[in-house]
Structure formats: structure tokens, C-alpha cells
Amino acid sequence: MTHIGHRFRGPCLSVCAVLLLAASALPVSAASDDQNPGAPSIRPPSSADFFLGRPRVTVGLRGNWVFASAGSDIFDFVTDQLTIERSAFNRPGFGLDLSINVAPRVDVTMGFEGSMMRQGSEYRDFVDNKLLPIEQTTSLKEQAVSAGVKFALLPAGRRVSRFAWIPSKLTPYVGAGGGILRYDFEQVGDFVDFADSHVFTSTFRSAGWTPSAYAAGGTDIHLFNRVFMSLEGRYTWSSAALDRDFVDFDPIDLKGFRFGAGFHYAF
């Protein structure tokens, strides 16, 4: 028995020594973590979408609804003489957006917008010699290229480590800018010559480029990963002289409010 005890005493002492060393190492490791609770970690958070650094570029596509001012005398004439209401110049549209972050709350923006309406009508107080309606179609198309600045009213996100940046759920913003706008106003069909009341078929058209300016406000909503939804209201100021098809009319009023909603992707 003595020989057996001596045979196992050495291995037992060795195992006990290893266990004691392991037990003493565990508290030391835990203590080192507790001593630096705010130390940066390269592990990103597991409960939220994150970026490896703040995104610098955002591109997107949105749909718009344009509420046209339609305040100039060409619109007065059209709505007085024809069965077309001023609200008919409200129209759907779309937009393409590019945004580049240049400061913590400041983006430089560029965009393209397009919209179009087309409305059939007839004279309110005239018919032809067969007592039939005198019909025509009025259309208004717009395309605009703009550049501006967007300022975030709240931080767009927060850094949680040396590597991870979490975007805010909602980021309201305001913005302003300017650009150039092309309009195309056209009427096609039958018309009355008020000099002798005869009916004739023709096309009246005015088109061209003109400067524009805008002010905007909205919010960016983080949906998931790098995808955001944007809601924006924008008011645009613009007008243009009409071509000679429309004699003695004031410049056409191209002002209006636009509400847009769309999706953007951040890089």
C-alpha cells in the first residue's frame, strides 16, 4: 500500500497544481475586464444594424406628388375658357438623389426630378356648328436638375467603438438649393378664334429652361442594414417667359410644393 500511495502521489500533486493555477487565473482575467469597462472593442454590437465607419455617400429613388401653384394668367385663361380645373395641374413625378456627407451634420446634395400632367377638356361656352364639344388636350411637363445643402437637425448616428457606427432611427433635416428647370406647356386640338368665332385645329406650345430655387424639410428613417426611407416636403420657386404662341401673357408660374417619399442606399 505504501508503494501504491507513492505511485499516485506525484500525479495527484501535479493535477492539483494545474487546477489551482487555472482557478487563480480566472479572477485575474475577469478583474482585467472590469478595470477597463469603456475600452474600445472590435466586436460590433449584435442587437443593432451598424456600419464600419460612417457612410459618406447615399443614392436613392423617390416618388413625388406636385401641388402646382398655377398662379399666372395663362392658367387663369385656360381654367376660365376650358373645362379644366386648376387642380388638374397637380401631378405625379419622380426623383433621383445623390448625397455626399462633408461634415458631421452637413451633406451636399444633387438631384434630378421629372413630372407630367395631361388633361382633356372642351370649351365651357362654345360648341361647333354641329353643336358638338370643341375639344383639346393640355399638358405640362417639367424636368429639373438641382444642387444644394442638407443640414441634419439631430445627429445622424453614434460611434460605439473604434470601428462600429450605428445610424439613428430618425434624422430630421432642412435644406435649400437651386438649379435649372425645363418646362413644356402644350395645347393640342380644336380652338375658337374669338375675332370671328370660327373653329380651327392647331397646336400651341411653349418650352424652355429657366432658373429655380427651393427650400426643403424632411426626415430620413433607418429601416435595416444600409437602407433608409426618406420623407420630404419641398417648395420650388420658378417662372419663365412664354413663347410667341402665347402672345400678351405674363411669364408662366412654375412654383409649387412637392411631397416625396422614397428609398435610399448608403455606402
Protein backbone atom coordinates (compact mmCIF):
# COMPACT_ATOMS: atom_id res chain seq x y z
CA MET A 1 0.00 0.00 0.00
CA THR A 2 2.88 2.30 0.73
CA HIS A 3 4.27 1.73 -2.75
CA ILE A 4 0.83 2.37 -4.30
CA GLY A 5 0.47 5.68 -2.36
CA HIS A 6 3.87 6.81 -3.55
CA ARG A 7 2.93 5.81 -7.13
CA PHE A 8 -0.16 8.14 -7.25
CA ARG A 9 1.09 10.95 -5.02
CA GLY A 10 3.18 12.59 -7.77
CA PRO A 11 0.43 12.69 -10.45
CA CYS A 12 -2.16 13.87 -7.92
CA LEU A 13 0.08 16.73 -6.82
CA SER A 14 0.61 17.72 -10.46
CA VAL A 15 -3.15 17.75 -11.24
CA CYS A 16 -3.87 19.78 -8.11
CA ALA A 17 -1.24 22.30 -9.06
CA VAL A 18 -2.75 22.77 -12.56
CA LEU A 19 -6.26 23.23 -11.11
CA LEU A 20 -5.03 25.79 -8.58
CA LEU A 21 -3.27 27.76 -11.34
CA ALA A 22 -6.41 27.74 -13.52
CA ALA A 23 -8.62 28.82 -10.63
CA SER A 24 -6.28 31.67 -9.77
CA ALA A 25 -6.15 32.82 -13.43
CA LEU A 26 -9.95 33.20 -13.82
CA PRO A 27 -10.41 36.04 -11.30
CA VAL A 28 -7.39 37.88 -12.72
CA SER A 29 -8.86 37.82 -16.24
CA ALA A 30 -12.27 38.98 -15.01
CA ALA A 31 -10.67 41.69 -12.96
CA SER A 32 -8.77 42.99 -16.01
CA ASP A 33 -12.10 43.28 -17.95
CA ASP A 34 -13.73 45.13 -15.05
CA GLN A 35 -10.83 47.55 -14.76
CA ASN A 36 -11.42 48.80 -18.36
CA PRO A 37 -15.20 48.70 -18.93
CA GLY A 38 -15.02 51.51 -21.51
CA ALA A 39 -12.11 50.12 -23.52
CA PRO A 40 -12.77 50.03 -27.28
CA SER A 41 -13.76 46.67 -28.66
CA ILE A 42 -13.51 45.48 -32.25
CA ARG A 43 -16.65 43.37 -31.77
CA PRO A 44 -19.68 45.16 -33.33
CA PRO A 45 -22.95 45.24 -31.42
CA SER A 46 -25.12 42.20 -32.04
CA SER A 47 -28.51 43.85 -31.37
CA ALA A 48 -28.44 46.66 -33.97
CA ASP A 49 -27.51 47.36 -37.57
CA PHE A 50 -24.14 49.03 -37.79
CA PHE A 51 -21.60 50.43 -40.24
CA LEU A 52 -17.85 50.02 -40.18
CA GLY A 53 -17.42 53.78 -40.06
CA ARG A 54 -19.91 56.47 -41.01
CA PRO A 55 -21.31 56.17 -44.59
CA ARG A 56 -20.24 59.01 -46.90
CA VAL A 57 -22.50 58.63 -49.95
CA THR A 58 -26.23 57.99 -50.30
CA VAL A 59 -28.16 57.36 -53.53
CA GLY A 60 -31.90 56.97 -53.87
CA LEU A 61 -35.11 56.97 -55.86
CA ARG A 62 -38.38 58.58 -54.76
CA GLY A 63 -41.88 59.26 -55.96
CA ASN A 64 -43.34 62.79 -55.78
CA TRP A 65 -46.69 64.49 -55.89
CA VAL A 66 -46.50 68.08 -57.15
CA PHE A 67 -49.06 70.65 -55.95
CA ALA A 68 -48.76 73.33 -58.64
CA SER A 69 -49.28 76.99 -57.79
CA ALA A 70 -50.61 77.65 -61.33
CA GLY A 71 -50.98 81.32 -60.44
CA SER A 72 -50.22 83.17 -63.70
CA ASP A 73 -52.70 84.47 -66.26
CA ILE A 74 -52.16 81.60 -68.72
CA PHE A 75 -53.68 79.28 -66.10
CA ASP A 76 -56.47 81.79 -65.44
CA PHE A 77 -57.31 81.83 -69.15
CA VAL A 78 -57.22 78.04 -69.51
CA THR A 79 -59.40 77.38 -66.47
CA ASP A 80 -61.88 80.15 -67.36
CA GLN A 81 -62.37 79.13 -71.01
CA LEU A 82 -61.96 75.35 -70.81
CA THR A 83 -63.41 72.61 -68.60
CA ILE A 84 -60.12 72.13 -66.77
CA GLU A 85 -59.65 72.96 -63.09
CA ARG A 86 -56.53 74.48 -61.56
CA SER A 87 -56.07 71.27 -59.52
CA ALA A 88 -55.59 69.35 -62.80
CA PHE A 89 -52.05 70.78 -62.90
CA ASN A 90 -51.19 68.83 -59.74
CA ARG A 91 -49.30 65.80 -60.97
CA PRO A 92 -47.17 62.75 -60.11
CA GLY A 93 -43.42 62.71 -60.56
CA PHE A 94 -40.18 61.00 -59.56
CA GLY A 95 -36.75 61.99 -58.33
CA LEU A 96 -33.17 60.69 -58.27
CA ASP A 97 -30.95 61.79 -55.37
CA LEU A 98 -27.24 61.80 -54.57
CA SER A 99 -25.99 62.96 -51.16
CA ILE A 100 -22.34 63.35 -50.05
CA ASN A 101 -21.51 63.83 -46.38
CA VAL A 102 -18.96 66.65 -45.90
CA ALA A 103 -19.31 67.41 -42.15
CA PRO A 104 -20.93 65.72 -39.11
CA ARG A 105 -24.38 67.19 -39.91
CA VAL A 106 -23.91 68.59 -43.40
CA ASP A 107 -24.47 66.90 -46.79
CA VAL A 108 -24.04 68.27 -50.28
CA THR A 109 -26.95 67.08 -52.42
CA MET A 110 -27.61 66.75 -56.14
CA GLY A 111 -30.80 65.59 -57.79
CA PHE A 112 -32.97 65.19 -60.86
CA GLU A 113 -36.77 65.47 -60.91
CA GLY A 114 -39.40 64.86 -63.55
CA SER A 115 -43.18 65.29 -63.60
CA MET A 116 -46.02 65.39 -66.14
CA MET A 117 -49.77 66.02 -66.40
CA ARG A 118 -52.14 65.64 -69.35
CA GLN A 119 -55.80 66.67 -69.27
CA GLY A 120 -58.54 66.58 -71.88
CA SER A 121 -61.06 69.44 -71.96
CA GLU A 122 -63.61 71.37 -74.02
CA TYR A 123 -64.83 74.97 -74.18
CA ARG A 124 -67.25 75.89 -71.43
CA ASP A 125 -69.35 78.33 -73.51
CA PHE A 126 -68.85 77.29 -77.14
CA VAL A 127 -69.78 74.37 -79.40
CA ASP A 128 -69.09 73.81 -83.10
CA ASN A 129 -71.61 74.26 -85.95
CA LYS A 130 -72.85 70.71 -85.32
CA LEU A 131 -73.44 71.50 -81.66
CA LEU A 132 -70.60 69.19 -80.68
CA PRO A 133 -68.00 69.98 -77.99
CA ILE A 134 -64.82 71.77 -79.10
CA GLU A 135 -62.16 69.53 -77.56
CA GLN A 136 -58.44 69.86 -76.86
CA THR A 137 -55.71 68.38 -74.63
CA THR A 138 -53.46 70.40 -72.31
CA SER A 139 -50.17 69.04 -70.96
CA LEU A 140 -47.38 70.33 -68.72
CA LYS A 141 -44.03 68.57 -68.33
CA GLU A 142 -41.15 69.57 -66.08
CA GLN A 143 -37.61 68.30 -65.59
CA ALA A 144 -35.27 69.87 -63.03
CA VAL A 145 -31.60 69.48 -62.10
CA SER A 146 -30.62 70.88 -58.70
CA ALA A 147 -27.80 71.09 -56.15
CA GLY A 148 -27.99 72.16 -52.54
CA VAL A 149 -27.06 71.66 -48.90
CA LYS A 150 -28.83 69.49 -46.32
CA PHE A 151 -28.42 70.05 -42.55
CA ALA A 152 -29.37 67.34 -40.03
CA LEU A 153 -31.26 68.74 -37.01
CA LEU A 154 -30.18 65.73 -34.89
CA PRO A 155 -27.06 63.55 -35.09
CA ALA A 156 -27.31 61.02 -37.90
CA GLY A 157 -25.79 58.29 -35.72
CA ARG A 158 -23.35 57.45 -32.96
CA ARG A 159 -19.98 55.73 -32.73
CA VAL A 160 -19.94 52.80 -30.27
CA SER A 161 -16.34 51.70 -30.77
CA ARG A 162 -13.29 52.39 -32.89
CA PHE A 163 -14.95 50.52 -35.77
CA ALA A 164 -18.74 50.43 -35.30
CA TRP A 165 -21.13 53.33 -36.11
CA ILE A 166 -24.90 52.95 -35.56
CA PRO A 167 -27.30 55.17 -37.57
CA SER A 168 -30.14 56.97 -35.79
CA LYS A 169 -33.63 55.64 -36.35
CA LEU A 170 -34.94 59.10 -37.33
CA THR A 171 -32.89 62.04 -38.63
CA PRO A 172 -34.93 65.20 -39.37
CA TYR A 173 -33.29 67.75 -41.67
CA VAL A 174 -33.71 71.03 -43.54
CA GLY A 175 -32.16 72.02 -46.84
CA ALA A 176 -32.00 74.62 -49.60
CA GLY A 177 -30.54 74.96 -53.07
CA GLY A 178 -31.11 75.88 -56.67
CA GLY A 179 -30.74 74.68 -60.23
CA ILE A 180 -32.29 74.81 -63.66
CA LEU A 181 -35.76 73.69 -64.73
CA ARG A 182 -37.11 72.81 -68.15
CA TYR A 183 -40.84 73.19 -68.76
CA ASP A 184 -43.00 72.19 -71.74
CA PHE A 185 -46.55 73.60 -71.85
CA GLU A 186 -48.67 72.41 -74.79
CA GLN A 187 -52.26 72.53 -76.03
CA VAL A 188 -53.38 70.37 -78.96
CA GLY A 189 -56.85 70.16 -80.53
CA ASP A 190 -59.64 72.48 -81.69
CA PHE A 191 -59.84 76.14 -80.69
CA VAL A 192 -62.11 79.16 -81.19
CA ASP A 193 -60.89 82.31 -82.93
CA PHE A 194 -62.58 85.00 -80.85
CA ALA A 195 -62.27 87.53 -83.71
CA ASP A 196 -64.82 85.76 -85.93
CA SER A 197 -65.85 82.73 -83.79
CA HIS A 198 -64.65 80.14 -86.29
CA VAL A 199 -63.18 76.84 -85.07
CA PHE A 200 -59.71 75.75 -86.16
CA THR A 201 -57.30 72.90 -85.34
CA SER A 202 -53.85 73.78 -84.06
CA THR A 203 -51.04 73.16 -81.56
CA PHE A 204 -49.84 75.84 -79.13
CA ARG A 205 -46.55 75.18 -77.34
CA SER A 206 -44.02 76.94 -75.15
CA ALA A 207 -40.87 75.26 -73.79
CA GLY A 208 -37.50 76.25 -72.37
CA TRP A 209 -35.04 76.30 -69.49
CA THR A 210 -35.25 78.67 -66.52
CA PRO A 211 -33.53 79.08 -63.11
CA SER A 212 -35.14 77.67 -59.96
CA ALA A 213 -34.62 77.72 -56.19
CA TYR A 214 -36.02 75.56 -53.40
CA ALA A 215 -36.32 75.10 -49.64
CA ALA A 216 -36.93 71.67 -48.13
CA GLY A 217 -37.52 69.80 -44.90
CA GLY A 218 -37.94 66.12 -44.13
CA THR A 219 -36.68 63.09 -42.26
CA ASP A 220 -34.55 60.04 -43.02
CA ILE A 221 -35.79 56.78 -41.44
CA HIS A 222 -33.38 53.87 -40.99
CA LEU A 223 -35.13 50.64 -42.00
CA PHE A 224 -32.44 47.93 -42.00
CA ASN A 225 -28.79 47.45 -42.88
CA ARG A 226 -27.92 50.24 -45.37
CA VAL A 227 -31.48 51.01 -46.48
CA PHE A 228 -33.26 54.23 -45.47
CA MET A 229 -36.70 55.64 -46.22
CA SER A 230 -36.94 59.39 -46.80
CA LEU A 231 -39.96 61.70 -46.49
CA GLU A 232 -39.55 65.25 -47.79
CA GLY A 233 -41.56 68.39 -48.45
CA ARG A 234 -40.05 70.89 -50.88
CA TYR A 235 -41.21 74.26 -52.22
CA THR A 236 -39.77 75.40 -55.55
CA TRP A 237 -39.75 78.94 -56.97
CA SER A 238 -39.53 79.39 -60.75
CA SER A 239 -41.14 81.18 -63.71
CA ALA A 240 -40.44 81.58 -67.43
CA ALA A 241 -41.43 83.81 -70.33
CA LEU A 242 -43.86 82.14 -72.74
CA ASP A 243 -43.02 81.66 -76.42
CA ARG A 244 -44.80 83.61 -79.16
CA ASP A 245 -47.59 81.03 -79.48
CA PHE A 246 -48.98 82.70 -76.34
CA VAL A 247 -48.99 86.43 -77.11
CA ASP A 248 -49.56 89.06 -74.38
CA PHE A 249 -49.39 86.57 -71.48
CA ASP A 250 -47.27 87.09 -68.37
CA PRO A 251 -44.47 84.61 -67.56
CA ILE A 252 -45.81 81.16 -66.71
CA ASP A 253 -45.89 80.39 -62.99
CA LEU A 254 -43.88 77.24 -62.24
CA LYS A 255 -43.89 77.49 -58.45
CA GLY A 256 -45.23 74.67 -56.34
CA PHE A 257 -44.99 72.38 -53.34
CA ARG A 258 -43.82 68.81 -53.74
CA PHE A 259 -44.16 65.93 -51.27
CA GLY A 260 -41.86 62.98 -51.89
CA ALA A 261 -41.24 59.55 -50.39
CA GLY A 262 -38.58 57.08 -51.42
CA PHE A 263 -35.77 54.70 -50.53
CA HIS A 264 -32.06 55.40 -50.28
CA TYR A 265 -28.97 53.22 -50.00
CA ALA A 266 -25.89 54.30 -48.03
CA PHE A 267 -22.30 53.45 -48.94
